[in-house]
C-alpha atoms as a PDB file:
ATOM      1  CA  MET A   1       0.000   0.000   0.000  1.00  0.00           C
ATOM      2  CA  ARG A   2       2.217   2.734  -1.295  1.00  0.00           C
ATOM      3  CA  ARG A   3       1.869   5.659  -3.550  1.00  0.00           C
ATOM      4  CA  HIS A   4       4.260   6.565  -6.349  1.00  0.00           C
ATOM      5  CA  ARG A   5       5.324  10.197  -6.628  1.00  0.00           C
ATOM      6  CA  LEU A   6       5.920  11.834  -9.998  1.00  0.00           C
ATOM      7  CA  PHE A   7       7.653  15.212 -10.258  1.00  0.00           C
ATOM      8  CA  LEU A   8       5.143  17.635 -11.726  1.00  0.00           C
ATOM      9  CA  GLY A   9       7.673  19.446 -13.884  1.00  0.00           C
ATOM     10  CA  LEU A  10       8.576  16.187 -15.598  1.00  0.00           C
ATOM     11  CA  ALA A  11       4.914  15.258 -15.909  1.00  0.00           C
ATOM     12  CA  LEU A  12       4.040  18.548 -17.569  1.00  0.00           C
ATOM     13  CA  SER A  13       6.969  18.350 -19.993  1.00  0.00           C
ATOM     14  CA  LEU A  14       6.086  14.787 -20.976  1.00  0.00           C
ATOM     15  CA  LEU A  15       2.461  15.724 -21.499  1.00  0.00           C
ATOM     16  CA  ALA A  16       3.411  18.729 -23.604  1.00  0.00           C
ATOM     17  CA  ALA A  17       5.641  16.577 -25.805  1.00  0.00           C
ATOM     18  CA  GLY A  18       3.037  13.829 -26.120  1.00  0.00           C
ATOM     19  CA  SER A  19       0.226  16.224 -26.976  1.00  0.00           C
ATOM     20  CA  GLN A  20       1.912  17.057 -30.265  1.00  0.00           C
ATOM     21  CA  ALA A  21       1.956  13.425 -31.356  1.00  0.00           C
ATOM     22  CA  GLN A  22      -1.688  12.481 -30.849  1.00  0.00           C
ATOM     23  CA  PRO A  23      -5.160  13.788 -31.753  1.00  0.00           C
ATOM     24  CA  GLN A  24      -6.391  16.554 -29.487  1.00  0.00           C
ATOM     25  CA  TRP A  25      -9.607  16.525 -27.481  1.00  0.00           C
ATOM     26  CA  LYS A  26     -11.276  19.313 -25.556  1.00  0.00           C
ATOM     27  CA  PRO A  27     -14.668  19.620 -23.865  1.00  0.00           C
ATOM     28  CA  GLU A  28     -17.558  20.903 -25.948  1.00  0.00           C
ATOM     29  CA  LYS A  29     -20.088  21.302 -23.120  1.00  0.00           C
ATOM     30  CA  ASN A  30     -20.267  21.607 -19.351  1.00  0.00           C
ATOM     31  CA  VAL A  31     -17.927  19.296 -17.452  1.00  0.00           C
ATOM     32  CA  GLU A  32     -18.986  17.517 -14.258  1.00  0.00           C
ATOM     33  CA  ILE A  33     -16.772  16.419 -11.371  1.00  0.00           C
ATOM     34  CA  VAL A  34     -18.931  13.911  -9.514  1.00  0.00           C
ATOM     35  CA  VAL A  35     -18.370  13.473  -5.780  1.00  0.00           C
ATOM     36  CA  PRO A  36     -19.400  10.210  -4.039  1.00  0.00           C
ATOM     37  CA  SER A  37     -20.331  11.952  -0.783  1.00  0.00           C
ATOM     38  CA  ALA A  38     -22.192  14.939   0.591  1.00  0.00           C
ATOM     39  CA  PRO A  39     -20.766  18.484   0.590  1.00  0.00           C
ATOM     40  CA  GLY A  40     -18.206  19.308   3.260  1.00  0.00           C
ATOM     41  CA  GLY A  41     -16.019  16.215   3.489  1.00  0.00           C
ATOM     42  CA  SER A  42     -12.566  15.506   2.062  1.00  0.00           C
ATOM     43  CA  ASN A  43     -13.970  14.217  -1.233  1.00  0.00           C
ATOM     44  CA  ASP A  44     -16.007  17.371  -1.709  1.00  0.00           C
ATOM     45  CA  LYS A  45     -13.070  19.594  -0.689  1.00  0.00           C
ATOM     46  CA  THR A  46     -10.927  17.855  -3.299  1.00  0.00           C
ATOM     47  CA  ALA A  47     -13.411  18.441  -6.106  1.00  0.00           C
ATOM     48  CA  ARG A  48     -14.072  22.059  -5.181  1.00  0.00           C
ATOM     49  CA  THR A  49     -10.381  22.857  -4.903  1.00  0.00           C
ATOM     50  CA  VAL A  50      -9.857  21.478  -8.417  1.00  0.00           C
ATOM     51  CA  GLU A  51     -12.905  23.425  -9.619  1.00  0.00           C
ATOM     52  CA  ARG A  52     -11.694  26.678  -8.070  1.00  0.00           C
ATOM     53  CA  ILE A  53      -8.182  26.453  -9.486  1.00  0.00           C
ATOM     54  CA  VAL A  54      -9.370  25.388 -12.938  1.00  0.00           C
ATOM     55  CA  GLN A  55     -11.747  28.334 -13.120  1.00  0.00           C
ATOM     56  CA  GLU A  56      -9.349  30.888 -11.655  1.00  0.00           C
ATOM     57  CA  LYS A  57      -6.561  29.818 -14.036  1.00  0.00           C
ATOM     58  CA  ARG A  58      -8.974  29.326 -16.951  1.00  0.00           C
ATOM     59  CA  LEU A  59      -7.484  25.932 -17.724  1.00  0.00           C
ATOM     60  CA  LEU A  60     -10.500  24.057 -19.036  1.00  0.00           C
ATOM     61  CA  GLY A  61     -12.031  26.128 -21.819  1.00  0.00           C
ATOM     62  CA  ALA A  62     -15.505  25.113 -20.651  1.00  0.00           C
ATOM     63  CA  THR A  63     -17.788  25.472 -17.645  1.00  0.00           C
ATOM     64  CA  LEU A  64     -17.244  23.123 -14.727  1.00  0.00           C
ATOM     65  CA  THR A  65     -19.725  21.889 -12.128  1.00  0.00           C
ATOM     66  CA  VAL A  66     -19.242  19.839  -8.959  1.00  0.00           C
ATOM     67  CA  VAL A  67     -22.093  17.342  -8.557  1.00  0.00           C
ATOM     68  CA  ASN A  68     -22.570  15.516  -5.242  1.00  0.00           C
ATOM     69  CA  LYS A  69     -24.102  12.047  -5.481  1.00  0.00           C
ATOM     70  CA  PRO A  70     -23.790  10.439  -2.047  1.00  0.00           C
ATOM     71  CA  GLY A  71     -25.253   7.070  -1.198  1.00  0.00           C
ATOM     72  CA  GLY A  72     -24.591   3.372  -1.446  1.00  0.00           C
ATOM     73  CA  GLY A  73     -20.907   3.594  -0.540  1.00  0.00           C
ATOM     74  CA  ASN A  74     -19.970   5.289  -3.830  1.00  0.00           C
ATOM     75  CA  ALA A  75     -22.544   3.229  -5.768  1.00  0.00           C
ATOM     76  CA  MET A  76     -24.576   6.266  -6.848  1.00  0.00           C
ATOM     77  CA  THR A  77     -21.533   7.997  -8.325  1.00  0.00           C
ATOM     78  CA  MET A  78     -20.122   4.850  -9.921  1.00  0.00           C
ATOM     79  CA  ASN A  79     -23.429   3.962 -11.571  1.00  0.00           C
ATOM     80  CA  TYR A  80     -23.857   7.551 -12.784  1.00  0.00           C
ATOM     81  CA  LEU A  81     -20.423   7.567 -14.370  1.00  0.00           C
ATOM     82  CA  ASN A  82     -21.130   4.259 -16.080  1.00  0.00           C
ATOM     83  CA  LEU A  83     -24.085   5.901 -17.829  1.00  0.00           C
ATOM     84  CA  HIS A  84     -21.584   8.178 -19.608  1.00  0.00           C
ATOM     85  CA  ALA A  85     -19.142   5.604 -21.010  1.00  0.00           C
ATOM     86  CA  GLY A  86     -16.575   7.119 -23.341  1.00  0.00           C
ATOM     87  CA  ASP A  87     -17.544  10.687 -22.451  1.00  0.00           C
ATOM     88  CA  GLY A  88     -14.657  12.814 -21.157  1.00  0.00           C
ATOM     89  CA  HIS A  89     -17.067  15.460 -19.880  1.00  0.00           C
ATOM     90  CA  TYR A  90     -17.651  13.350 -16.752  1.00  0.00           C
ATOM     91  CA  VAL A  91     -15.071  12.444 -14.114  1.00  0.00           C
ATOM     92  CA  MET A  92     -15.332  11.479 -10.455  1.00  0.00           C
ATOM     93  CA  ILE A  93     -13.318  11.762  -7.274  1.00  0.00           C
ATOM     94  CA  GLY A  94     -12.031   8.268  -6.580  1.00  0.00           C
ATOM     95  CA  THR A  95     -11.195   6.803  -3.152  1.00  0.00           C
ATOM     96  CA  PRO A  96     -10.123   3.374  -1.831  1.00  0.00           C
ATOM     97  CA  THR A  97     -13.825   2.572  -1.476  1.00  0.00           C
ATOM     98  CA  ILE A  98     -13.881   1.712  -5.167  1.00  0.00           C
ATOM     99  CA  LEU A  99     -11.546  -1.172  -4.283  1.00  0.00           C
ATOM    100  CA  THR A 100     -12.934  -2.215  -0.919  1.00  0.00           C
ATOM    101  CA  ASN A 101     -16.560  -2.293  -2.096  1.00  0.00           C
ATOM    102  CA  HIS A 102     -15.637  -4.844  -4.735  1.00  0.00           C
ATOM    103  CA  ILE A 103     -13.473  -6.889  -2.369  1.00  0.00           C
ATOM    104  CA  ILE A 104     -16.201  -7.264   0.257  1.00  0.00           C
ATOM    105  CA  GLY A 105     -18.906  -7.832  -2.362  1.00  0.00           C
ATOM    106  CA  ALA A 106     -20.789  -4.580  -1.768  1.00  0.00           C
ATOM    107  CA  SER A 107     -20.529  -3.650  -5.467  1.00  0.00           C
ATOM    108  CA  PRO A 108     -19.995  -5.609  -8.689  1.00  0.00           C
ATOM    109  CA  LEU A 109     -18.015  -2.663 -10.062  1.00  0.00           C
ATOM    110  CA  ASN A 110     -14.248  -2.564  -9.657  1.00  0.00           C
ATOM    111  CA  TYR A 111     -11.558  -0.019 -10.533  1.00  0.00           C
ATOM    112  CA  THR A 112     -11.122  -1.886 -13.831  1.00  0.00           C
ATOM    113  CA  ASP A 113     -14.626  -0.740 -14.805  1.00  0.00           C
ATOM    114  CA  PHE A 114     -13.433   2.879 -14.912  1.00  0.00           C
ATOM    115  CA  THR A 115     -10.592   4.903 -16.414  1.00  0.00           C
ATOM    116  CA  PRO A 116      -7.889   5.862 -13.910  1.00  0.00           C
ATOM    117  CA  ILE A 117      -6.646   9.361 -14.812  1.00  0.00           C
ATOM    118  CA  ALA A 118      -4.477  10.537 -11.915  1.00  0.00           C
ATOM    119  CA  SER A 119      -3.956  10.073  -8.203  1.00  0.00           C
ATOM    120  CA  LEU A 120      -3.767  13.409  -6.406  1.00  0.00           C
ATOM    121  CA  PHE A 121      -2.743  12.988  -2.784  1.00  0.00           C
ATOM    122  CA  ASN A 122      -2.800  10.666   0.196  1.00  0.00           C
ATOM    123  CA  ASP A 123      -4.710  11.439   3.374  1.00  0.00           C
ATOM    124  CA  TYR A 124      -2.677   9.376   5.827  1.00  0.00           C
ATOM    125  CA  VAL A 125      -4.462   7.803   8.786  1.00  0.00           C
ATOM    126  CA  VAL A 126      -3.724   8.919  12.343  1.00  0.00           C
ATOM    127  CA  PHE A 127      -4.524   6.965  15.515  1.00  0.00           C
ATOM    128  CA  ALA A 128      -6.150   9.276  18.080  1.00  0.00           C
ATOM    129  CA  VAL A 129      -6.966   8.717  21.754  1.00  0.00           C
ATOM    130  CA  LYS A 130      -8.228  10.962  24.566  1.00  0.00           C
ATOM    131  CA  ALA A 131      -5.637  13.172  26.201  1.00  0.00           C
ATOM    132  CA  ASP A 132      -5.889  11.152  29.437  1.00  0.00           C
ATOM    133  CA  ALA A 133      -5.743   7.734  27.737  1.00  0.00           C
ATOM    134  CA  PRO A 134      -3.467   5.157  29.427  1.00  0.00           C
ATOM    135  CA  PHE A 135      -1.443   4.676  26.240  1.00  0.00           C
ATOM    136  CA  ARG A 136       1.535   7.016  26.410  1.00  0.00           C
ATOM    137  CA  ASN A 137       2.638   6.137  22.886  1.00  0.00           C
ATOM    138  CA  GLY A 138       1.892   3.873  19.946  1.00  0.00           C
ATOM    139  CA  ARG A 139       4.033   1.016  21.251  1.00  0.00           C
ATOM    140  CA  GLU A 140       1.932   0.777  24.398  1.00  0.00           C
ATOM    141  CA  LEU A 141      -1.261   0.752  22.335  1.00  0.00           C
ATOM    142  CA  ALA A 142       0.165  -1.969  20.085  1.00  0.00           C
ATOM    143  CA  GLU A 143       1.187  -4.080  23.090  1.00  0.00           C
ATOM    144  CA  ARG A 144      -2.321  -3.764  24.551  1.00  0.00           C
ATOM    145  CA  LEU A 145      -3.873  -4.882  21.270  1.00  0.00           C
ATOM    146  CA  LYS A 146      -1.508  -7.826  21.025  1.00  0.00           C
ATOM    147  CA  LYS A 147      -2.274  -8.928  24.592  1.00  0.00           C
ATOM    148  CA  ASP A 148      -6.047  -8.452  24.322  1.00  0.00           C
ATOM    149  CA  PRO A 149      -7.392  -7.100  20.997  1.00  0.00           C
ATOM    150  CA  ARG A 150     -10.890  -6.686  22.426  1.00  0.00           C
ATOM    151  CA  SER A 151      -9.724  -4.471  25.266  1.00  0.00           C
ATOM    152  CA  VAL A 152      -9.591  -1.411  22.989  1.00  0.00           C
ATOM    153  CA  SER A 153     -12.764  -0.183  21.278  1.00  0.00           C
ATOM    154  CA  ILE A 154     -11.878   1.292  17.875  1.00  0.00           C
ATOM    155  CA  GLY A 155     -14.136   3.687  16.001  1.00  0.00           C
ATOM    156  CA  PHE A 156     -13.920   4.868  12.403  1.00  0.00           C
ATOM    157  CA  ALA A 157     -15.972   5.968   9.399  1.00  0.00           C
ATOM    158  CA  THR A 158     -17.827   5.004   7.389  1.00  0.00           C
ATOM    159  CA  ALA A 159     -18.284   1.235   7.259  1.00  0.00           C
ATOM    160  CA  LEU A 160     -16.696  -2.091   8.040  1.00  0.00           C
ATOM    161  CA  GLY A 161     -14.004  -2.645   5.441  1.00  0.00           C
ATOM    162  CA  SER A 162     -13.280   1.068   4.952  1.00  0.00           C
ATOM    163  CA  HIS A 163      -9.692   2.268   4.659  1.00  0.00           C
ATOM    164  CA  ASN A 164      -9.873   3.452   8.276  1.00  0.00           C
ATOM    165  CA  HIS A 165     -10.836  -0.092   9.297  1.00  0.00           C
ATOM    166  CA  ILE A 166      -7.993  -1.461   7.187  1.00  0.00           C
ATOM    167  CA  ALA A 167      -5.561   0.862   8.985  1.00  0.00           C
ATOM    168  CA  ALA A 168      -6.560  -0.660  12.331  1.00  0.00           C
ATOM    169  CA  GLY A 169      -6.202  -4.125  10.832  1.00  0.00           C
ATOM    170  CA  LEU A 170      -2.734  -3.319   9.526  1.00  0.00           C
ATOM    171  CA  LEU A 171      -1.603  -2.228  12.985  1.00  0.00           C
ATOM    172  CA  ALA A 172      -2.951  -5.439  14.511  1.00  0.00           C
ATOM    173  CA  LYS A 173      -1.304  -7.550  11.824  1.00  0.00           C
ATOM    174  CA  ALA A 174       2.049  -5.768  12.148  1.00  0.00           C
ATOM    175  CA  THR A 175       2.120  -6.317  15.906  1.00  0.00           C
ATOM    176  CA  GLY A 176       0.949  -9.930  15.866  1.00  0.00           C
ATOM    177  CA  ALA A 177      -2.492  -9.227  17.327  1.00  0.00           C
ATOM    178  CA  ALA A 178      -5.503 -11.326  16.372  1.00  0.00           C
ATOM    179  CA  VAL A 179      -6.890  -9.231  13.534  1.00  0.00           C
ATOM    180  CA  ARG A 180     -10.383 -10.728  13.525  1.00  0.00           C
ATOM    181  CA  SER A 181     -10.723 -10.192  17.286  1.00  0.00           C
ATOM    182  CA  LEU A 182     -10.496  -6.388  17.119  1.00  0.00           C
ATOM    183  CA  LYS A 183     -13.388  -4.577  18.770  1.00  0.00           C
ATOM    184  CA  VAL A 184     -14.504  -2.167  16.055  1.00  0.00           C
ATOM    185  CA  ILE A 185     -17.430   0.217  15.645  1.00  0.00           C
ATOM    186  CA  ALA A 186     -18.315   1.848  12.316  1.00  0.00           C
ATOM    187  CA  PHE A 187     -19.813   5.334  12.422  1.00  0.00           C
ATOM    188  CA  LYS A 188     -21.636   7.191   9.644  1.00  0.00           C
ATOM    189  CA  GLY A 189     -18.963   9.875   9.607  1.00  0.00           C
ATOM    190  CA  SER A 190     -15.638  10.709  11.187  1.00  0.00           C
ATOM    191  CA  ALA A 191     -17.228  13.547  13.170  1.00  0.00           C
ATOM    192  CA  GLU A 192     -19.459  11.030  14.968  1.00  0.00           C
ATOM    193  CA  ALA A 193     -16.500   8.786  15.737  1.00  0.00           C
ATOM    194  CA  VAL A 194     -14.480  11.713  17.136  1.00  0.00           C
ATOM    195  CA  THR A 195     -17.444  12.832  19.263  1.00  0.00           C
ATOM    196  CA  ALA A 196     -17.717   9.321  20.696  1.00  0.00           C
ATOM    197  CA  LEU A 197     -14.006   9.382  21.495  1.00  0.00           C
ATOM    198  CA  LEU A 198     -14.249  12.765  23.215  1.00  0.00           C
ATOM    199  CA  GLY A 199     -17.173  11.433  25.266  1.00  0.00           C
ATOM    200  CA  GLY A 200     -15.219   8.403  26.400  1.00  0.00           C
ATOM    201  CA  HIS A 201     -17.499   5.928  24.644  1.00  0.00           C
ATOM    202  CA  ILE A 202     -14.632   4.456  22.607  1.00  0.00           C
ATOM    203  CA  GLU A 203     -10.876   4.437  23.186  1.00  0.00           C
ATOM    204  CA  LEU A 204      -9.361   4.888  19.745  1.00  0.00           C
ATOM    205  CA  VAL A 205     -10.257   6.507  16.430  1.00  0.00           C
ATOM    206  CA  THR A 206      -8.526   5.903  13.109  1.00  0.00           C
ATOM    207  CA  THR A 207      -9.142   8.860  10.839  1.00  0.00           C
ATOM    208  CA  ALA A 208      -7.644  11.616   8.718  1.00  0.00           C
ATOM    209  CA  ALA A 209      -5.407  14.119  10.495  1.00  0.00           C
ATOM    210  CA  GLY A 210      -7.645  17.038   9.584  1.00  0.00           C
ATOM    211  CA  ASN A 211     -10.551  15.499  11.486  1.00  0.00           C
ATOM    212  CA  VAL A 212      -8.743  15.673  14.845  1.00  0.00           C
ATOM    213  CA  ALA A 213      -6.269  18.550  14.383  1.00  0.00           C
ATOM    214  CA  GLU A 214      -8.414  21.085  16.260  1.00  0.00           C
ATOM    215  CA  HIS A 215      -8.898  18.744  19.244  1.00  0.00           C
ATOM    216  CA  VAL A 216      -5.207  17.834  19.332  1.00  0.00           C
ATOM    217  CA  ALA A 217      -4.238  21.512  19.301  1.00  0.00           C
ATOM    218  CA  ALA A 218      -6.721  22.151  22.145  1.00  0.00           C
ATOM    219  CA  GLY A 219      -5.221  19.338  24.234  1.00  0.00           C
ATOM    220  CA  LYS A 220      -8.383  17.232  24.235  1.00  0.00           C
ATOM    221  CA  LEU A 221      -6.983  14.419  22.094  1.00  0.00           C
ATOM    222  CA  ARG A 222      -3.578  12.895  21.482  1.00  0.00           C
ATOM    223  CA  VAL A 223      -2.308  11.089  18.416  1.00  0.00           C
ATOM    224  CA  VAL A 224      -0.108   8.109  19.303  1.00  0.00           C
ATOM    225  CA  GLY A 225       0.887   7.086  15.795  1.00  0.00           C
ATOM    226  CA  VAL A 226       0.806   8.354  12.206  1.00  0.00           C
ATOM    227  CA  ALA A 227       0.575   5.866   9.327  1.00  0.00           C
ATOM    228  CA  ALA A 228       2.758   7.979   7.022  1.00  0.00           C
ATOM    229  CA  ASN A 229       6.324   7.835   5.778  1.00  0.00           C
ATOM    230  CA  GLN A 230       7.200  11.029   7.595  1.00  0.00           C
ATOM    231  CA  ARG A 231       5.792  13.176  10.381  1.00  0.00           C
ATOM    232  CA  LEU A 232       2.909  15.517   9.713  1.00  0.00           C
ATOM    233  CA  PRO A 233       3.194  19.276  10.396  1.00  0.00           C
ATOM    234  CA  GLY A 234       1.420  21.541  12.859  1.00  0.00           C
ATOM    235  CA  PRO A 235      -0.065  19.908  15.967  1.00  0.00           C
ATOM    236  CA  PHE A 236       1.258  16.523  14.791  1.00  0.00           C
ATOM    237  CA  ALA A 237       4.908  17.553  14.438  1.00  0.00           C
ATOM    238  CA  ALA A 238       5.921  15.813  17.679  1.00  0.00           C
ATOM    239  CA  VAL A 239       4.029  12.596  16.891  1.00  0.00           C
ATOM    240  CA  PRO A 240       6.271   9.805  15.594  1.00  0.00           C
ATOM    241  CA  THR A 241       5.233   7.710  12.633  1.00  0.00           C
ATOM    242  CA  TRP A 242       4.554   4.029  13.202  1.00  0.00           C
ATOM    243  CA  LYS A 243       7.802   3.273  11.413  1.00  0.00           C
ATOM    244  CA  GLU A 244       9.684   5.427  13.915  1.00  0.00           C
ATOM    245  CA  GLN A 245       8.135   3.283  16.644  1.00  0.00           C
ATOM    246  CA  GLY A 246       9.344   0.095  15.014  1.00  0.00           C
ATOM    247  CA  ILE A 247       5.994  -0.874  13.435  1.00  0.00           C
ATOM    248  CA  ASN A 248       5.755  -0.985   9.655  1.00  0.00           C
ATOM    249  CA  VAL A 249       2.364   0.606   8.975  1.00  0.00           C
ATOM    250  CA  VAL A 250       2.026   3.164   6.156  1.00  0.00           C
ATOM    251  CA  PHE A 251      -1.502   3.673   4.890  1.00  0.00           C
ATOM    252  CA  GLY A 252      -3.977   6.378   3.976  1.00  0.00           C
ATOM    253  CA  GLY A 253      -7.081   7.270   2.039  1.00  0.00           C
ATOM    254  CA  TRP A 254      -5.880   8.489  -1.331  1.00  0.00           C
ATOM    255  CA  ARG A 255      -7.932  10.748  -3.541  1.00  0.00           C
ATOM    256  CA  SER A 256      -7.892  10.529  -7.314  1.00  0.00           C
ATOM    257  CA  VAL A 257      -9.717  11.484 -10.472  1.00  0.00           C
ATOM    258  CA  MET A 258     -11.257   8.661 -12.483  1.00  0.00           C
ATOM    259  CA  GLY A 259     -13.267   8.751 -15.654  1.00  0.00           C
ATOM    260  CA  PRO A 260     -15.988   6.555 -17.132  1.00  0.00           C
ATOM    261  CA  PRO A 261     -15.099   3.378 -19.014  1.00  0.00           C
ATOM    262  CA  GLY A 262     -14.002   3.695 -22.626  1.00  0.00           C
ATOM    263  CA  MET A 263     -12.285   7.076 -22.510  1.00  0.00           C
ATOM    264  CA  THR A 264     -10.037   7.702 -25.513  1.00  0.00           C
ATOM    265  CA  PRO A 265      -6.279   8.303 -25.178  1.00  0.00           C
ATOM    266  CA  ALA A 266      -6.864  11.924 -26.208  1.00  0.00           C
ATOM    267  CA  GLN A 267      -9.433  12.423 -23.433  1.00  0.00           C
ATOM    268  CA  ILE A 268      -7.098  10.873 -20.865  1.00  0.00           C
ATOM    269  CA  ALA A 269      -4.205  13.050 -22.061  1.00  0.00           C
ATOM    270  CA  PHE A 270      -6.385  16.161 -21.784  1.00  0.00           C
ATOM    271  CA  TRP A 271      -7.329  15.423 -18.187  1.00  0.00           C
ATOM    272  CA  GLU A 272      -3.781  14.433 -17.247  1.00  0.00           C
ATOM    273  CA  LYS A 273      -2.559  17.800 -18.473  1.00  0.00           C
ATOM    274  CA  ILE A 274      -5.283  19.724 -16.626  1.00  0.00           C
ATOM    275  CA  LEU A 275      -4.691  17.904 -13.340  1.00  0.00           C
ATOM    276  CA  ALA A 276      -0.901  18.219 -13.596  1.00  0.00           C
ATOM    277  CA  GLN A 277      -1.352  21.973 -14.078  1.00  0.00           C
ATOM    278  CA  VAL A 278      -3.656  22.148 -11.063  1.00  0.00           C
ATOM    279  CA  ALA A 279      -1.248  20.151  -8.883  1.00  0.00           C
ATOM    280  CA  ALA A 280       1.631  22.474  -9.805  1.00  0.00           C
ATOM    281  CA  THR A 281      -0.099  25.638  -8.565  1.00  0.00           C
ATOM    282  CA  PRO A 282       0.725  27.354  -5.241  1.00  0.00           C
ATOM    283  CA  GLU A 283      -2.992  27.284  -4.427  1.00  0.00           C
ATOM    284  CA  TRP A 284      -3.117  23.485  -4.628  1.00  0.00           C
ATOM    285  CA  LYS A 285       0.037  23.104  -2.543  1.00  0.00           C
ATOM    286  CA  ALA A 286      -1.410  25.451   0.090  1.00  0.00           C
ATOM    287  CA  ASP A 287      -4.564  23.327   0.294  1.00  0.00           C
ATOM    288  CA  LEU A 288      -2.487  20.168   0.713  1.00  0.00           C
ATOM    289  CA  GLU A 289      -0.669  21.721   3.655  1.00  0.00           C
ATOM    290  CA  ARG A 290      -3.841  23.144   5.192  1.00  0.00           C
ATOM    291  CA  ASN A 291      -5.557  19.738   5.172  1.00  0.00           C
ATOM    292  CA  TYR A 292      -2.464  17.658   6.090  1.00  0.00           C
ATOM    293  CA  TRP A 293      -2.640  15.924   2.715  1.00  0.00           C
ATOM    294  CA  SER A 294       0.548  14.429   1.245  1.00  0.00           C
ATOM    295  CA  ASN A 295       1.396  15.197  -2.367  1.00  0.00           C
ATOM    296  CA  ASP A 296       1.400  11.832  -4.166  1.00  0.00           C
ATOM    297  CA  PHE A 297       0.596  12.881  -7.711  1.00  0.00           C
ATOM    298  CA  ALA A 298       0.838  10.176 -10.378  1.00  0.00           C
ATOM    299  CA  LEU A 299      -0.489   9.956 -13.939  1.00  0.00           C
ATOM    300  CA  SER A 300      -2.711   7.309 -15.464  1.00  0.00           C
ATOM    301  CA  GLU A 301      -0.265   4.478 -16.226  1.00  0.00           C
ATOM    302  CA  GLN A 302       1.449   4.619 -12.842  1.00  0.00           C
ATOM    303  CA  PHE A 303      -1.918   5.035 -11.126  1.00  0.00           C
ATOM    304  CA  LYS A 304      -3.159   1.822 -12.779  1.00  0.00           C
ATOM    305  CA  THR A 305      -0.160  -0.034 -11.380  1.00  0.00           C
ATOM    306  CA  ASP A 306      -0.773   1.447  -7.931  1.00  0.00           C
ATOM    307  CA  LEU A 307      -4.436   0.442  -8.018  1.00  0.00           C
ATOM    308  CA  LYS A 308      -3.576  -3.148  -8.911  1.00  0.00           C
ATOM    309  CA  GLN A 309      -1.100  -3.364  -6.038  1.00  0.00           C
ATOM    310  CA  ASP A 310      -3.505  -1.713  -3.592  1.00  0.00           C
ATOM    311  CA  TYR A 311      -6.282  -4.129  -4.536  1.00  0.00           C
ATOM    312  CA  VAL A 312      -4.084  -7.121  -3.726  1.00  0.00           C
ATOM    313  CA  SER A 313      -2.862  -5.593  -0.443  1.00  0.00           C
ATOM    314  CA  MET A 314      -6.321  -4.520   0.698  1.00  0.00           C
ATOM    315  CA  LYS A 315      -7.838  -7.872  -0.155  1.00  0.00           C
ATOM    316  CA  ALA A 316      -5.231  -9.624   1.992  1.00  0.00           C
ATOM    317  CA  VAL A 317      -6.035  -7.438   5.002  1.00  0.00           C
ATOM    318  CA  LEU A 318      -9.793  -7.654   4.510  1.00  0.00           C
ATOM    319  CA  ALA A 319      -9.508 -11.434   4.265  1.00  0.00           C
ATOM    320  CA  GLU A 320      -7.784 -11.463   7.644  1.00  0.00           C
ATOM    321  CA  LEU A 321     -10.572  -9.252   8.984  1.00  0.00           C
ATOM    322  CA  GLY A 322     -13.067 -11.808   7.684  1.00  0.00           C
ATOM    323  CA  LEU A 323     -14.647  -9.359   5.260  1.00  0.00           C
ATOM    324  CA  ALA A 324     -13.356 -10.356   1.830  1.00  0.00           C
ATOM    325  CA  ARG A 325     -15.930 -12.218  -0.205  1.00  0.00           C
END
């Protein structure tokens, strides 16, 4: 479960060179970025940041609309995109749910039923506890889980088998704990899980850093481990990664742009160029920092390889959790 990084300058130069050797495509009507969740969350923030930069920089040459289609664990968005096969005017914000839904049998659609265009960033998972929790660090939490995996109640969003659930499973697996014995509770949203943690109803939340940053800064919560390759900034600067604590867990909820099935090479090239331009702007980089997102930009071919590897890795963990079909 890794993410390949591609230098944006190289990406843009390669795209510029390639654009001269193939037929051009550009939108002829309004373009939709479809979001598989309600307004306000990370998926919606991603789409609206892309929309804002594209419009401010006048990159698209057409109007652009963000369309929210929550419901069915991405099913509404995925089905909608499938109605527009081969049409480059429709793209969606992709998340690991497109993999996990297929693995657990919640959807017949897989990432292979869509056109991967680019991965944008990774929203690495943090492990948060109350400020007065008995675990002084991640090692102590890991030892508790190994000794008695049901002694720690773990909350996350939004369903069993989600990437936040997988993160908890990866920690258990890496420390030799009984993965299937974890005491887990799925909440409808991360806000609900964090509220339950603050109220003392659960002992641990696995979530995105941005969802707990305010509470960490206020001294109400502590983060005992970060599932990233390097430490996060701001209120998380003093928190060691799991790797620093001797536990090999690196995992997050990546965000991407995917198109409908049957997109032409020219349509893919168009969107690759647009997204590479967006990702190279100071505005995009500022949003990454503000939301504690890690820049893991990769174009279509590399993204396909990443998706294939992630599917295999996630299926292995979900099988150990007893959720793979």
